[in-house]
Amino acid sequence: MSVKKRAKDIIDRLSENKVRLILDFIEYLEEKEAWEATEEILSIKGMMEDIREAEKDLREEKMENFIPWDKVKKNSDIS
């Protein structure tokens, strides 16, 4: 039996109050994971500088500095 299936089976047997506590913890873990991913991306050398430059180009409508999404999709494995 998978871990998720076991967790769901146990949750189904718990009171509403206990499930509320579990939900709070799961939401905390989800948010923590998102922050960790953000920190990992932002720790890449030059990433913040690239983001600021892209935001500036967008404000100044310098669209020639951007790659169209269709072209990105075509040249990758993204469906």
PDB file of N, CA and C in Angstrom:
ATOM      1  N   MET A   1       0.852  -1.179   0.000  1.00  0.00           N
ATOM      2  CA  MET A   1       0.000   0.000   0.000  1.00  0.00           C
ATOM      3  C   MET A   1       0.900   1.245   0.000  1.00  0.00           C
ATOM      4  N   SER A   2       0.557   2.218  -0.824  1.00  0.00           N
ATOM      5  CA  SER A   2       1.362   3.440  -0.913  1.00  0.00           C
ATOM      6  C   SER A   2       1.213   4.288   0.350  1.00  0.00           C
ATOM      7  N   VAL A   3       2.189   5.134   0.571  1.00  0.00           N
ATOM      8  CA  VAL A   3       2.173   6.010   1.745  1.00  0.00           C
ATOM      9  C   VAL A   3       0.957   6.928   1.708  1.00  0.00           C
ATOM     10  N   LYS A   4       0.663   7.502   0.540  1.00  0.00           N
ATOM     11  CA  LYS A   4      -0.489   8.410   0.435  1.00  0.00           C
ATOM     12  C   LYS A   4      -1.798   7.672   0.726  1.00  0.00           C
ATOM     13  N   LYS A   5      -1.916   6.451   0.236  1.00  0.00           N
ATOM     14  CA  LYS A   5      -3.136   5.666   0.468  1.00  0.00           C
ATOM     15  C   LYS A   5      -3.287   5.367   1.959  1.00  0.00           C
ATOM     16  N   ARG A   6      -2.184   4.985   2.608  1.00  0.00           N
ATOM     17  CA  ARG A   6      -2.232   4.719   4.052  1.00  0.00           C
ATOM     18  C   ARG A   6      -2.644   5.969   4.815  1.00  0.00           C
ATOM     19  N   ALA A   7      -2.071   7.122   4.435  1.00  0.00           N
ATOM     20  CA  ALA A   7      -2.409   8.384   5.106  1.00  0.00           C
ATOM     21  C   ALA A   7      -3.891   8.704   4.924  1.00  0.00           C
ATOM     22  N   LYS A   8      -4.394   8.532   3.708  1.00  0.00           N
ATOM     23  CA  LYS A   8      -5.815   8.811   3.449  1.00  0.00           C
ATOM     24  C   LYS A   8      -6.716   7.892   4.265  1.00  0.00           C
ATOM     25  N   ASP A   9      -6.353   6.625   4.353  1.00  0.00           N
ATOM     26  CA  ASP A   9      -7.150   5.672   5.139  1.00  0.00           C
ATOM     27  C   ASP A   9      -7.199   6.079   6.612  1.00  0.00           C
ATOM     28  N   ILE A  10      -6.071   6.477   7.156  1.00  0.00           N
ATOM     29  CA  ILE A  10      -6.027   6.901   8.562  1.00  0.00           C
ATOM     30  C   ILE A  10      -6.831   8.177   8.762  1.00  0.00           C
ATOM     31  N   ILE A  11      -6.666   9.138   7.870  1.00  0.00           N
ATOM     32  CA  ILE A  11      -7.403  10.407   7.963  1.00  0.00           C
ATOM     33  C   ILE A  11      -8.904  10.154   7.957  1.00  0.00           C
ATOM     34  N   ASP A  12      -9.349   9.212   7.132  1.00  0.00           N
ATOM     35  CA  ASP A  12     -10.780   8.894   7.058  1.00  0.00           C
ATOM     36  C   ASP A  12     -11.339   8.411   8.397  1.00  0.00           C
ATOM     37  N   ARG A  13     -10.488   7.873   9.264  1.00  0.00           N
ATOM     38  CA  ARG A  13     -10.951   7.345  10.555  1.00  0.00           C
ATOM     39  C   ARG A  13     -10.843   8.364  11.692  1.00  0.00           C
ATOM     40  N   LEU A  14     -10.236   9.500  11.448  1.00  0.00           N
ATOM     41  CA  LEU A  14     -10.019  10.497  12.503  1.00  0.00           C
ATOM     42  C   LEU A  14     -11.188  11.468  12.625  1.00  0.00           C
ATOM     43  N   SER A  15     -11.257  12.110  13.786  1.00  0.00           N
ATOM     44  CA  SER A  15     -12.289  13.130  14.013  1.00  0.00           C
ATOM     45  C   SER A  15     -11.986  14.371  13.170  1.00  0.00           C
ATOM     46  N   GLU A  16     -13.001  15.178  12.998  1.00  0.00           N
ATOM     47  CA  GLU A  16     -12.875  16.415  12.217  1.00  0.00           C
ATOM     48  C   GLU A  16     -11.804  17.337  12.814  1.00  0.00           C
ATOM     49  N   ASN A  17     -11.737  17.424  14.132  1.00  0.00           N
ATOM     50  CA  ASN A  17     -10.732  18.281  14.784  1.00  0.00           C
ATOM     51  C   ASN A  17      -9.313  17.821  14.484  1.00  0.00           C
ATOM     52  N   LYS A  18      -9.091  16.515  14.529  1.00  0.00           N
ATOM     53  CA  LYS A  18      -7.755  15.976  14.232  1.00  0.00           C
ATOM     54  C   LYS A  18      -7.401  16.212  12.759  1.00  0.00           C
ATOM     55  N   VAL A  19      -8.382  16.058  11.895  1.00  0.00           N
ATOM     56  CA  VAL A  19      -8.144  16.280  10.462  1.00  0.00           C
ATOM     57  C   VAL A  19      -7.798  17.745  10.209  1.00  0.00           C
ATOM     58  N   ARG A  20      -8.434  18.645  10.947  1.00  0.00           N
ATOM     59  CA  ARG A  20      -8.119  20.069  10.825  1.00  0.00           C
ATOM     60  C   ARG A  20      -6.651  20.330  11.183  1.00  0.00           C
ATOM     61  N   LEU A  21      -6.167  19.685  12.235  1.00  0.00           N
ATOM     62  CA  LEU A  21      -4.758  19.813  12.629  1.00  0.00           C
ATOM     63  C   LEU A  21      -3.829  19.278  11.540  1.00  0.00           C
ATOM     64  N   ILE A  22      -4.208  18.145  10.980  1.00  0.00           N
ATOM     65  CA  ILE A  22      -3.408  17.556   9.902  1.00  0.00           C
ATOM     66  C   ILE A  22      -3.373  18.492   8.706  1.00  0.00           C
ATOM     67  N   LEU A  23      -4.520  19.056   8.370  1.00  0.00           N
ATOM     68  CA  LEU A  23      -4.596  19.982   7.242  1.00  0.00           C
ATOM     69  C   LEU A  23      -3.702  21.196   7.468  1.00  0.00           C
ATOM     70  N   ASP A  24      -3.733  21.748   8.676  1.00  0.00           N
ATOM     71  CA  ASP A  24      -2.853  22.883   8.989  1.00  0.00           C
ATOM     72  C   ASP A  24      -1.395  22.512   8.765  1.00  0.00           C
ATOM     73  N   PHE A  25      -1.005  21.331   9.215  1.00  0.00           N
ATOM     74  CA  PHE A  25       0.381  20.894   9.076  1.00  0.00           C
ATOM     75  C   PHE A  25       0.738  20.666   7.607  1.00  0.00           C
ATOM     76  N   ILE A  26      -0.161  20.050   6.861  1.00  0.00           N
ATOM     77  CA  ILE A  26       0.082  19.805   5.435  1.00  0.00           C
ATOM     78  C   ILE A  26       0.234  21.127   4.688  1.00  0.00           C
ATOM     79  N   GLU A  27      -0.626  22.094   5.002  1.00  0.00           N
ATOM     80  CA  GLU A  27      -0.524  23.408   4.354  1.00  0.00           C
ATOM     81  C   GLU A  27       0.799  24.085   4.709  1.00  0.00           C
ATOM     82  N   TYR A  28       1.240  23.930   5.959  1.00  0.00           N
ATOM     83  CA  TYR A  28       2.540  24.467   6.365  1.00  0.00           C
ATOM     84  C   TYR A  28       3.657  23.825   5.536  1.00  0.00           C
ATOM     85  N   LEU A  29       3.630  22.500   5.399  1.00  0.00           N
ATOM     86  CA  LEU A  29       4.657  21.805   4.625  1.00  0.00           C
ATOM     87  C   LEU A  29       4.647  22.237   3.163  1.00  0.00           C
ATOM     88  N   GLU A  30       3.453  22.420   2.612  1.00  0.00           N
ATOM     89  CA  GLU A  30       3.333  22.854   1.222  1.00  0.00           C
ATOM     90  C   GLU A  30       3.956  24.234   1.033  1.00  0.00           C
ATOM     91  N   GLU A  31       3.647  25.152   1.941  1.00  0.00           N
ATOM     92  CA  GLU A  31       4.199  26.507   1.858  1.00  0.00           C
ATOM     93  C   GLU A  31       5.717  26.487   2.050  1.00  0.00           C
ATOM     94  N   LYS A  32       6.181  25.681   2.995  1.00  0.00           N
ATOM     95  CA  LYS A  32       7.622  25.558   3.258  1.00  0.00           C
ATOM     96  C   LYS A  32       8.344  25.043   2.015  1.00  0.00           C
ATOM     97  N   GLU A  33       7.769  24.055   1.359  1.00  0.00           N
ATOM     98  CA  GLU A  33       8.377  23.499   0.154  1.00  0.00           C
ATOM     99  C   GLU A  33       8.445  24.544  -0.957  1.00  0.00           C
ATOM    100  N   ALA A  34       7.389  25.337  -1.091  1.00  0.00           N
ATOM    101  CA  ALA A  34       7.381  26.393  -2.109  1.00  0.00           C
ATOM    102  C   ALA A  34       8.468  27.425  -1.822  1.00  0.00           C
ATOM    103  N   TRP A  35       8.623  27.808  -0.546  1.00  0.00           N
ATOM    104  CA  TRP A  35       9.665  28.775  -0.183  1.00  0.00           C
ATOM    105  C   TRP A  35      11.054  28.205  -0.429  1.00  0.00           C
ATOM    106  N   GLU A  36      11.238  26.924  -0.127  1.00  0.00           N
ATOM    107  CA  GLU A  36      12.535  26.294  -0.357  1.00  0.00           C
ATOM    108  C   GLU A  36      12.875  26.292  -1.843  1.00  0.00           C
ATOM    109  N   ALA A  37      11.881  26.010  -2.680  1.00  0.00           N
ATOM    110  CA  ALA A  37      12.108  26.026  -4.124  1.00  0.00           C
ATOM    111  C   ALA A  37      12.448  27.432  -4.594  1.00  0.00           C
ATOM    112  N   THR A  38      11.745  28.433  -4.054  1.00  0.00           N
ATOM    113  CA  THR A  38      12.020  29.828  -4.411  1.00  0.00           C
ATOM    114  C   THR A  38      13.432  30.213  -3.996  1.00  0.00           C
ATOM    115  N   GLU A  39      13.815  29.853  -2.772  1.00  0.00           N
ATOM    116  CA  GLU A  39      15.167  30.165  -2.299  1.00  0.00           C
ATOM    117  C   GLU A  39      16.226  29.503  -3.171  1.00  0.00           C
ATOM    118  N   GLU A  40      15.958  28.272  -3.590  1.00  0.00           N
ATOM    119  CA  GLU A  40      16.911  27.555  -4.436  1.00  0.00           C
ATOM    120  C   GLU A  40      17.092  28.271  -5.773  1.00  0.00           C
ATOM    121  N   ILE A  41      15.992  28.688  -6.363  1.00  0.00           N
ATOM    122  CA  ILE A  41      16.061  29.393  -7.647  1.00  0.00           C
ATOM    123  C   ILE A  41      16.782  30.721  -7.490  1.00  0.00           C
ATOM    124  N   LEU A  42      16.437  31.463  -6.439  1.00  0.00           N
ATOM    125  CA  LEU A  42      17.032  32.784  -6.242  1.00  0.00           C
ATOM    126  C   LEU A  42      18.496  32.716  -5.828  1.00  0.00           C
ATOM    127  N   SER A  43      18.955  31.563  -5.363  1.00  0.00           N
ATOM    128  CA  SER A  43      20.362  31.435  -4.979  1.00  0.00           C
ATOM    129  C   SER A  43      21.269  31.216  -6.186  1.00  0.00           C
ATOM    130  N   ILE A  44      20.672  30.986  -7.342  1.00  0.00           N
ATOM    131  CA  ILE A  44      21.465  30.814  -8.560  1.00  0.00           C
ATOM    132  C   ILE A  44      22.122  32.149  -8.884  1.00  0.00           C
ATOM    133  N   LYS A  45      23.427  32.101  -9.061  1.00  0.00           N
ATOM    134  CA  LYS A  45      24.199  33.319  -9.297  1.00  0.00           C
ATOM    135  C   LYS A  45      23.641  34.090 -10.499  1.00  0.00           C
ATOM    136  N   GLY A  46      23.354  35.360 -10.290  1.00  0.00           N
ATOM    137  CA  GLY A  46      22.876  36.228 -11.358  1.00  0.00           C
ATOM    138  C   GLY A  46      21.379  36.184 -11.602  1.00  0.00           C
ATOM    139  N   MET A  47      20.662  35.293 -10.915  1.00  0.00           N
ATOM    140  CA  MET A  47      19.223  35.143 -11.165  1.00  0.00           C
ATOM    141  C   MET A  47      18.460  36.425 -10.842  1.00  0.00           C
ATOM    142  N   MET A  48      18.708  37.028  -9.671  1.00  0.00           N
ATOM    143  CA  MET A  48      17.983  38.252  -9.307  1.00  0.00           C
ATOM    144  C   MET A  48      18.289  39.377 -10.290  1.00  0.00           C
ATOM    145  N   GLU A  49      19.524  39.470 -10.713  1.00  0.00           N
ATOM    146  CA  GLU A  49      19.885  40.503 -11.690  1.00  0.00           C
ATOM    147  C   GLU A  49      19.134  40.278 -12.999  1.00  0.00           C
ATOM    148  N   ASP A  50      19.046  39.026 -13.440  1.00  0.00           N
ATOM    149  CA  ASP A  50      18.304  38.703 -14.665  1.00  0.00           C
ATOM    150  C   ASP A  50      16.821  39.034 -14.517  1.00  0.00           C
ATOM    151  N   ILE A  51      16.255  38.743 -13.355  1.00  0.00           N
ATOM    152  CA  ILE A  51      14.838  39.032 -13.114  1.00  0.00           C
ATOM    153  C   ILE A  51      14.590  40.535 -13.159  1.00  0.00           C
ATOM    154  N   ARG A  52      15.450  41.297 -12.483  1.00  0.00           N
ATOM    155  CA  ARG A  52      15.288  42.764 -12.489  1.00  0.00           C
ATOM    156  C   ARG A  52      15.419  43.327 -13.904  1.00  0.00           C
ATOM    157  N   GLU A  53      16.373  42.804 -14.662  1.00  0.00           N
ATOM    158  CA  GLU A  53      16.569  43.263 -16.037  1.00  0.00           C
ATOM    159  C   GLU A  53      15.345  42.939 -16.896  1.00  0.00           C
ATOM    160  N   ALA A  54      14.787  41.749 -16.709  1.00  0.00           N
ATOM    161  CA  ALA A  54      13.594  41.364 -17.468  1.00  0.00           C
ATOM    162  C   ALA A  54      12.400  42.239 -17.092  1.00  0.00           C
ATOM    163  N   GLU A  55      12.245  42.542 -15.803  1.00  0.00           N
ATOM    164  CA  GLU A  55      11.156  43.428 -15.375  1.00  0.00           C
ATOM    165  C   GLU A  55      11.312  44.812 -15.983  1.00  0.00           C
ATOM    166  N   LYS A  56      12.535  45.310 -16.031  1.00  0.00           N
ATOM    167  CA  LYS A  56      12.805  46.627 -16.619  1.00  0.00           C
ATOM    168  C   LYS A  56      12.468  46.611 -18.112  1.00  0.00           C
ATOM    169  N   ASP A  57      12.915  45.560 -18.803  1.00  0.00           N
ATOM    170  CA  ASP A  57      12.610  45.437 -20.229  1.00  0.00           C
ATOM    171  C   ASP A  57      11.106  45.387 -20.461  1.00  0.00           C
ATOM    172  N   LEU A  58      10.394  44.698 -19.601  1.00  0.00           N
ATOM    173  CA  LEU A  58       8.941  44.600 -19.733  1.00  0.00           C
ATOM    174  C   LEU A  58       8.283  45.961 -19.530  1.00  0.00           C
ATOM    175  N   ARG A  59       8.715  46.690 -18.486  1.00  0.00           N
ATOM    176  CA  ARG A  59       8.173  48.035 -18.249  1.00  0.00           C
ATOM    177  C   ARG A  59       8.447  48.957 -19.434  1.00  0.00           C
ATOM    178  N   GLU A  60       9.619  48.815 -20.030  1.00  0.00           N
ATOM    179  CA  GLU A  60      10.004  49.670 -21.158  1.00  0.00           C
ATOM    180  C   GLU A  60       9.528  49.109 -22.495  1.00  0.00           C
ATOM    181  N   GLU A  61       8.741  48.023 -22.424  1.00  0.00           N
ATOM    182  CA  GLU A  61       8.154  47.377 -23.604  1.00  0.00           C
ATOM    183  C   GLU A  61       9.207  46.974 -24.627  1.00  0.00           C
ATOM    184  N   LYS A  62      10.339  46.514 -24.161  1.00  0.00           N
ATOM    185  CA  LYS A  62      11.407  46.014 -25.039  1.00  0.00           C
ATOM    186  C   LYS A  62      11.156  44.525 -25.301  1.00  0.00           C
ATOM    187  N   MET A  63      10.115  44.251 -26.066  1.00  0.00           N
ATOM    188  CA  MET A  63       9.681  42.879 -26.280  1.00  0.00           C
ATOM    189  C   MET A  63      10.682  42.070 -27.106  1.00  0.00           C
ATOM    190  N   GLU A  64      11.566  42.733 -27.814  1.00  0.00           N
ATOM    191  CA  GLU A  64      12.570  42.020 -28.606  1.00  0.00           C
ATOM    192  C   GLU A  64      13.565  41.266 -27.709  1.00  0.00           C
ATOM    193  N   ASN A  65      13.592  41.608 -26.435  1.00  0.00           N
ATOM    194  CA  ASN A  65      14.488  40.929 -25.497  1.00  0.00           C
ATOM    195  C   ASN A  65      13.872  39.657 -24.906  1.00  0.00           C
ATOM    196  N   PHE A  66      12.664  39.320 -25.341  1.00  0.00           N
ATOM    197  CA  PHE A  66      11.979  38.137 -24.839  1.00  0.00           C
ATOM    198  C   PHE A  66      11.817  37.111 -25.950  1.00  0.00           C
ATOM    199  N   ILE A  67      11.803  35.846 -25.560  1.00  0.00           N
ATOM    200  CA  ILE A  67      11.584  34.757 -26.512  1.00  0.00           C
ATOM    201  C   ILE A  67      10.106  34.390 -26.455  1.00  0.00           C
ATOM    202  N   PRO A  68       9.419  34.348 -27.605  1.00  0.00           N
ATOM    203  CA  PRO A  68       7.999  33.976 -27.600  1.00  0.00           C
ATOM    204  C   PRO A  68       7.801  32.567 -27.028  1.00  0.00           C
ATOM    205  N   TRP A  69       6.735  32.390 -26.261  1.00  0.00           N
ATOM    206  CA  TRP A  69       6.465  31.108 -25.617  1.00  0.00           C
ATOM    207  C   TRP A  69       6.370  29.973 -26.628  1.00  0.00           C
ATOM    208  N   ASP A  70       5.761  30.220 -27.779  1.00  0.00           N
ATOM    209  CA  ASP A  70       5.643  29.174 -28.798  1.00  0.00           C
ATOM    210  C   ASP A  70       7.012  28.658 -29.224  1.00  0.00           C
ATOM    211  N   LYS A  71       7.978  29.557 -29.333  1.00  0.00           N
ATOM    212  CA  LYS A  71       9.333  29.165 -29.724  1.00  0.00           C
ATOM    213  C   LYS A  71       9.999  28.354 -28.612  1.00  0.00           C
ATOM    214  N   VAL A  72       9.776  28.753 -27.372  1.00  0.00           N
ATOM    215  CA  VAL A  72      10.327  28.010 -26.230  1.00  0.00           C
ATOM    216  C   VAL A  72       9.743  26.601 -26.216  1.00  0.00           C
ATOM    217  N   LYS A  73       8.420  26.508 -26.381  1.00  0.00           N
ATOM    218  CA  LYS A  73       7.747  25.211 -26.376  1.00  0.00           C
ATOM    219  C   LYS A  73       8.269  24.313 -27.487  1.00  0.00           C
ATOM    220  N   LYS A  74       8.433  24.898 -28.670  1.00  0.00           N
ATOM    221  CA  LYS A  74       8.858  24.124 -29.834  1.00  0.00           C
ATOM    222  C   LYS A  74      10.259  23.547 -29.635  1.00  0.00           C
ATOM    223  N   ASN A  75      11.111  24.266 -28.929  1.00  0.00           N
ATOM    224  CA  ASN A  75      12.500  23.852 -28.749  1.00  0.00           C
ATOM    225  C   ASN A  75      12.745  23.108 -27.439  1.00  0.00           C
ATOM    226  N   SER A  76      11.674  22.623 -26.819  1.00  0.00           N
ATOM    227  CA  SER A  76      11.839  21.893 -25.557  1.00  0.00           C
ATOM    228  C   SER A  76      10.880  20.716 -25.524  1.00  0.00           C
ATOM    229  N   ASP A  77      10.865  20.036 -24.402  1.00  0.00           N
ATOM    230  CA  ASP A  77       9.966  18.891 -24.228  1.00  0.00           C
ATOM    231  C   ASP A  77       8.638  19.290 -23.608  1.00  0.00           C
ATOM    232  N   ILE A  78       8.374  20.586 -23.505  1.00  0.00           N
ATOM    233  CA  ILE A  78       7.139  21.070 -22.889  1.00  0.00           C
ATOM    234  C   ILE A  78       5.978  20.833 -23.844  1.00  0.00           C
ATOM    235  N   SER A  79       4.894  20.279 -23.315  1.00  0.00           N
ATOM    236  CA  SER A  79       3.715  20.014 -24.154  1.00  0.00           C
ATOM    237  C   SER A  79       2.692  21.090 -23.999  1.00  0.00           C
TER     238      SER A  79
END
